[in-house]
Amino acid sequence: MVSLFTRPEELRSKAASQVDEIYQALMAVLPELKDCHLGELLRHPVSCEASSSAVEDPISTNHVCVGDASMTVDPLASQGVHLAMTSGLQAAAAVHTLLDHPQDGAHAMSFYVDRQQERRRLYVERTAEMYWQVAQRRPSLFWTERAEKRPEPVQPISVMPLDPEDLIQLCHQSALRPTPILDDGRIRCGPALHHPNLPRPIAYVHGVPITQLLASVADPLSYGQLLANWQALLPGPIAHQTFHSLWTAGTLVRA
């Protein structure tokens, strides 16, 4: 069985025999099959819409949409199973909260909606960039209509590495705000770090509350001492990686 992708406009209002012809014509030009003998079709090809889609209300007090029922992504992204499993885990936490901790039900639904929208946005952007990359070599409508170049990544405020004595502080745009967070299998409202350059709020790093890490920079602190404090809470490589990520995003800056 071979799955082929084409523009929806090529198949709309086509009879079964015409779909057969389109399928066979596409098969005939595939470089991977140029040395193969193609026999007769055993059955008519089936066509279906495969574009990304998402429901507007994936969760309420009496329903939850999981996997493809919540959203689908372009099959060329090859992430459908991963996204379905992730949504299943997040949905389980949301349902657990709705049933056993109804006082946090609104937080649970907000968390689930935000995560689904975030995932869809991320993979729509990634897939559009993938189409853009291919469109540079194959400028057909199938690729160019769906192509979009992603913006350049955020540049670090300052260049690493730092001197151990350099003073570090939180950027003025960084803030701890009450946010729906996943905590021990349920959703509750808790403090999370927000900053315009962060893809999502951060509540925990390797199981450590972000509030414990940021307590070290309530006042300006040297880079060396900050890392030492974090390494008392996190494995060394994780402490360095966390600092680098927050520094690159501009969440931490020189004092």
Foldseek 3Di string as FASTA:
>chain_A
DDDDDDDPVCPPPDDQVVQQVVVVVVVCPDPVCVVPDDDDDPDGDDDDDQAKDADPQQDDLPHHQAQVRGIHHRVVLVCRVVRRVVLVLLVQQLNCCCVPPVVANVQSRVVSNVVSVLVSVVRLQVVQCVLQVVCVVVVDCRSPVSHDHDDDAQAFPDDDDDDQQFWKAFDPQKDWDFHFDDDPSHTDTDTWIDHPLDSDTHQDQPNHGVVQLNVVRPDIDGNNVSLVSVVVVDPNVSSVVVVVVCRRSRRMDTD
